[in-house]
Structure formats: structure tokens, C-alpha cells
Amino acid sequence: MFIERSARELQLAGMVRNLPDGTVEIDVQGPEQHVEALIRKAECGPGRSRVTGIRKQERKPDSTMDRFSIVF
């Protein structure tokens, strides 16, 4: 919910989901400065989280992404 809320505040489109191994996958698009702001927030994480690393991969924009959501 932390990433979803942050992405919506930054008006980004995409999705976030928790993977079975504890990894959080974020697929996001929007203005570069907003994406970078989300990455900075993700590096800190919410209060009790433990972030051990972030891997960034650039991809082509997906025109079907028009909002941000949590995928279960």
C-alpha cells in the first residue's frame, strides 16, 4: 500500500505486487522525475520495512497502463 499510495501521489501509472520470496515488484511509468522520486521513496520503504536493494530496468512505455494498482 505504501508504494501504491506514493505512486498515486506522484500521478504515475503501473502496478505493484508482492512476490512469494518477499520481493516487491513495481512496474511504473510516468515523467522521469516522478519515477525517480518513487524509487527514492522505495529505497527508504515504509516504517518497519527492510530494503536490501533496488534493481531498475527501463522498458518501453505501455499505453494500456492508465492508473496505478496493486496486483494480487
N, C-alpha and C. Protein backbone atom coordinates (compact mmCIF):
# COMPACT_ATOMS: atom_id res chain seq x y z
N MET A 1 0.82 -1.20 0.00
CA MET A 1 0.00 0.00 0.00
C MET A 1 0.87 1.26 0.00
N PHE A 2 2.05 1.19 0.61
CA PHE A 2 2.97 2.33 0.65
C PHE A 2 3.34 2.77 -0.77
N ILE A 3 3.72 1.82 -1.62
CA ILE A 3 4.11 2.14 -2.99
C ILE A 3 2.91 2.62 -3.79
N GLU A 4 1.78 1.96 -3.63
CA GLU A 4 0.58 2.39 -4.35
C GLU A 4 0.22 3.83 -4.01
N ARG A 5 0.20 4.14 -2.74
CA ARG A 5 -0.14 5.49 -2.30
C ARG A 5 0.88 6.50 -2.85
N SER A 6 2.16 6.17 -2.75
CA SER A 6 3.21 7.06 -3.24
C SER A 6 3.11 7.28 -4.74
N ALA A 7 2.86 6.20 -5.49
CA ALA A 7 2.75 6.30 -6.95
C ALA A 7 1.55 7.15 -7.35
N ARG A 8 0.45 6.97 -6.66
CA ARG A 8 -0.73 7.78 -6.98
C ARG A 8 -0.50 9.25 -6.66
N GLU A 9 0.18 9.53 -5.56
CA GLU A 9 0.51 10.92 -5.22
C GLU A 9 1.37 11.56 -6.31
N LEU A 10 2.24 10.76 -6.91
CA LEU A 10 3.11 11.25 -7.98
C LEU A 10 2.47 11.16 -9.36
N GLN A 11 1.23 10.71 -9.41
CA GLN A 11 0.46 10.57 -10.65
C GLN A 11 1.15 9.66 -11.66
N LEU A 12 1.61 8.50 -11.16
CA LEU A 12 2.25 7.51 -12.01
C LEU A 12 1.28 6.40 -12.34
N ALA A 13 1.52 5.71 -13.42
CA ALA A 13 0.71 4.55 -13.82
C ALA A 13 1.55 3.30 -13.62
N GLY A 14 0.88 2.17 -13.39
CA GLY A 14 1.60 0.92 -13.26
C GLY A 14 0.99 -0.01 -12.24
N MET A 15 1.85 -0.85 -11.66
CA MET A 15 1.35 -1.82 -10.69
C MET A 15 2.47 -2.19 -9.72
N VAL A 16 2.03 -2.73 -8.58
CA VAL A 16 2.95 -3.25 -7.57
C VAL A 16 2.40 -4.58 -7.09
N ARG A 17 3.31 -5.53 -6.79
CA ARG A 17 2.86 -6.80 -6.21
C ARG A 17 3.98 -7.40 -5.38
N ASN A 18 3.57 -8.15 -4.36
CA ASN A 18 4.50 -8.88 -3.51
C ASN A 18 4.71 -10.26 -4.11
N LEU A 19 5.95 -10.66 -4.25
CA LEU A 19 6.28 -11.98 -4.77
C LEU A 19 6.51 -12.95 -3.61
N PRO A 20 6.37 -14.25 -3.85
CA PRO A 20 6.49 -15.24 -2.77
C PRO A 20 7.81 -15.18 -1.99
N ASP A 21 8.89 -14.74 -2.63
CA ASP A 21 10.19 -14.69 -1.94
C ASP A 21 10.39 -13.42 -1.12
N GLY A 22 9.34 -12.57 -1.02
CA GLY A 22 9.43 -11.34 -0.25
C GLY A 22 9.82 -10.12 -1.07
N THR A 23 10.16 -10.34 -2.31
CA THR A 23 10.50 -9.24 -3.22
C THR A 23 9.23 -8.46 -3.57
N VAL A 24 9.37 -7.17 -3.73
CA VAL A 24 8.27 -6.33 -4.19
C VAL A 24 8.59 -5.91 -5.62
N GLU A 25 7.70 -6.25 -6.54
CA GLU A 25 7.88 -5.90 -7.95
C GLU A 25 7.04 -4.66 -8.24
N ILE A 26 7.68 -3.66 -8.83
CA ILE A 26 7.00 -2.42 -9.19
C ILE A 26 7.21 -2.19 -10.68
N ASP A 27 6.13 -2.00 -11.40
CA ASP A 27 6.19 -1.67 -12.83
C ASP A 27 5.51 -0.31 -12.94
N VAL A 28 6.28 0.71 -13.26
CA VAL A 28 5.76 2.07 -13.19
C VAL A 28 6.20 2.88 -14.41
N GLN A 29 5.34 3.82 -14.79
CA GLN A 29 5.71 4.73 -15.87
C GLN A 29 5.11 6.10 -15.61
N GLY A 30 5.79 7.08 -16.14
CA GLY A 30 5.37 8.47 -15.98
C GLY A 30 6.58 9.36 -16.20
N PRO A 31 6.47 10.63 -15.86
CA PRO A 31 7.59 11.54 -16.04
C PRO A 31 8.81 11.05 -15.24
N GLU A 32 9.99 11.13 -15.86
CA GLU A 32 11.19 10.58 -15.25
C GLU A 32 11.44 11.08 -13.84
N GLN A 33 11.22 12.37 -13.58
CA GLN A 33 11.48 12.90 -12.25
C GLN A 33 10.51 12.31 -11.22
N HIS A 34 9.30 11.96 -11.64
CA HIS A 34 8.34 11.34 -10.73
C HIS A 34 8.71 9.88 -10.46
N VAL A 35 9.16 9.19 -11.50
CA VAL A 35 9.61 7.80 -11.33
C VAL A 35 10.81 7.77 -10.38
N GLU A 36 11.74 8.68 -10.56
CA GLU A 36 12.91 8.74 -9.68
C GLU A 36 12.51 9.06 -8.24
N ALA A 37 11.50 9.90 -8.06
CA ALA A 37 11.00 10.21 -6.72
C ALA A 37 10.42 8.95 -6.07
N LEU A 38 9.70 8.14 -6.85
CA LEU A 38 9.14 6.90 -6.32
C LEU A 38 10.27 5.93 -5.94
N ILE A 39 11.30 5.87 -6.76
CA ILE A 39 12.43 5.00 -6.45
C ILE A 39 13.08 5.43 -5.13
N ARG A 40 13.24 6.72 -4.92
CA ARG A 40 13.82 7.21 -3.66
C ARG A 40 12.95 6.82 -2.47
N LYS A 41 11.64 6.92 -2.64
CA LYS A 41 10.73 6.51 -1.56
C LYS A 41 10.83 5.00 -1.31
N ALA A 42 10.93 4.22 -2.39
CA ALA A 42 11.04 2.77 -2.26
C ALA A 42 12.34 2.38 -1.57
N GLU A 43 13.41 3.12 -1.80
CA GLU A 43 14.69 2.83 -1.15
C GLU A 43 14.58 2.94 0.37
N CYS A 44 13.78 3.86 0.84
CA CYS A 44 13.57 4.03 2.29
C CYS A 44 12.52 3.05 2.79
N GLY A 45 11.48 2.84 2.00
CA GLY A 45 10.40 1.95 2.39
C GLY A 45 9.56 2.53 3.52
N PRO A 46 8.46 1.86 3.84
CA PRO A 46 7.64 2.31 4.96
C PRO A 46 8.34 1.95 6.29
N GLY A 47 7.82 2.49 7.38
CA GLY A 47 8.39 2.36 8.72
C GLY A 47 9.17 1.11 9.07
N ARG A 48 8.55 -0.03 9.06
CA ARG A 48 9.20 -1.25 9.55
C ARG A 48 9.78 -2.14 8.45
N SER A 49 9.84 -1.66 7.25
CA SER A 49 10.35 -2.48 6.15
C SER A 49 11.88 -2.51 6.17
N ARG A 50 12.41 -3.47 5.44
CA ARG A 50 13.87 -3.58 5.28
C ARG A 50 14.14 -3.72 3.79
N VAL A 51 14.68 -2.68 3.21
CA VAL A 51 15.01 -2.68 1.78
C VAL A 51 16.48 -3.02 1.64
N THR A 52 16.77 -4.11 0.92
CA THR A 52 18.16 -4.54 0.78
C THR A 52 18.74 -4.19 -0.59
N GLY A 53 17.91 -3.74 -1.49
CA GLY A 53 18.42 -3.35 -2.80
C GLY A 53 17.29 -3.05 -3.75
N ILE A 54 17.63 -2.32 -4.78
CA ILE A 54 16.66 -1.98 -5.83
C ILE A 54 17.34 -2.25 -7.17
N ARG A 55 16.63 -2.91 -8.04
CA ARG A 55 17.12 -3.16 -9.39
C ARG A 55 16.19 -2.41 -10.35
N LYS A 56 16.75 -1.62 -11.20
CA LYS A 56 15.98 -0.81 -12.13
C LYS A 56 16.20 -1.32 -13.55
N GLN A 57 15.10 -1.46 -14.27
CA GLN A 57 15.17 -1.90 -15.66
C GLN A 57 14.25 -1.02 -16.49
N GLU A 58 14.81 -0.36 -17.49
CA GLU A 58 13.99 0.50 -18.34
C GLU A 58 13.34 -0.32 -19.43
N ARG A 59 12.08 0.01 -19.70
CA ARG A 59 11.32 -0.67 -20.76
C ARG A 59 10.55 0.38 -21.56
N LYS A 60 10.01 -0.06 -22.67
CA LYS A 60 9.18 0.83 -23.48
C LYS A 60 7.87 1.09 -22.73
N PRO A 61 7.31 2.30 -22.86
CA PRO A 61 6.04 2.60 -22.22
C PRO A 61 4.92 1.67 -22.71
N ASP A 62 3.99 1.38 -21.82
CA ASP A 62 2.83 0.54 -22.13
C ASP A 62 1.60 1.42 -22.12
N SER A 63 1.02 1.65 -23.27
CA SER A 63 -0.12 2.57 -23.39
C SER A 63 -1.38 2.05 -22.70
N THR A 64 -1.40 0.77 -22.32
CA THR A 64 -2.58 0.23 -21.63
C THR A 64 -2.57 0.57 -20.14
N MET A 65 -1.44 1.02 -19.61
CA MET A 65 -1.37 1.41 -18.21
C MET A 65 -1.85 2.84 -18.07
N ASP A 66 -2.98 3.01 -17.41
CA ASP A 66 -3.50 4.37 -17.26
C ASP A 66 -3.72 4.76 -15.80
N ARG A 67 -3.43 3.85 -14.87
CA ARG A 67 -3.55 4.16 -13.45
C ARG A 67 -2.61 3.23 -12.69
N PHE A 68 -2.53 3.37 -11.38
CA PHE A 68 -1.66 2.53 -10.57
C PHE A 68 -2.50 1.63 -9.69
N SER A 69 -2.12 0.36 -9.61
CA SER A 69 -2.91 -0.58 -8.82
C SER A 69 -2.02 -1.64 -8.15
N ILE A 70 -2.59 -2.30 -7.17
CA ILE A 70 -1.96 -3.45 -6.52
C ILE A 70 -2.45 -4.70 -7.22
N VAL A 71 -1.52 -5.58 -7.57
CA VAL A 71 -1.86 -6.84 -8.21
C VAL A 71 -1.68 -7.94 -7.17
N PHE A 72 -2.69 -8.78 -7.02
CA PHE A 72 -2.62 -9.87 -6.04
C PHE A 72 -2.35 -11.18 -6.72
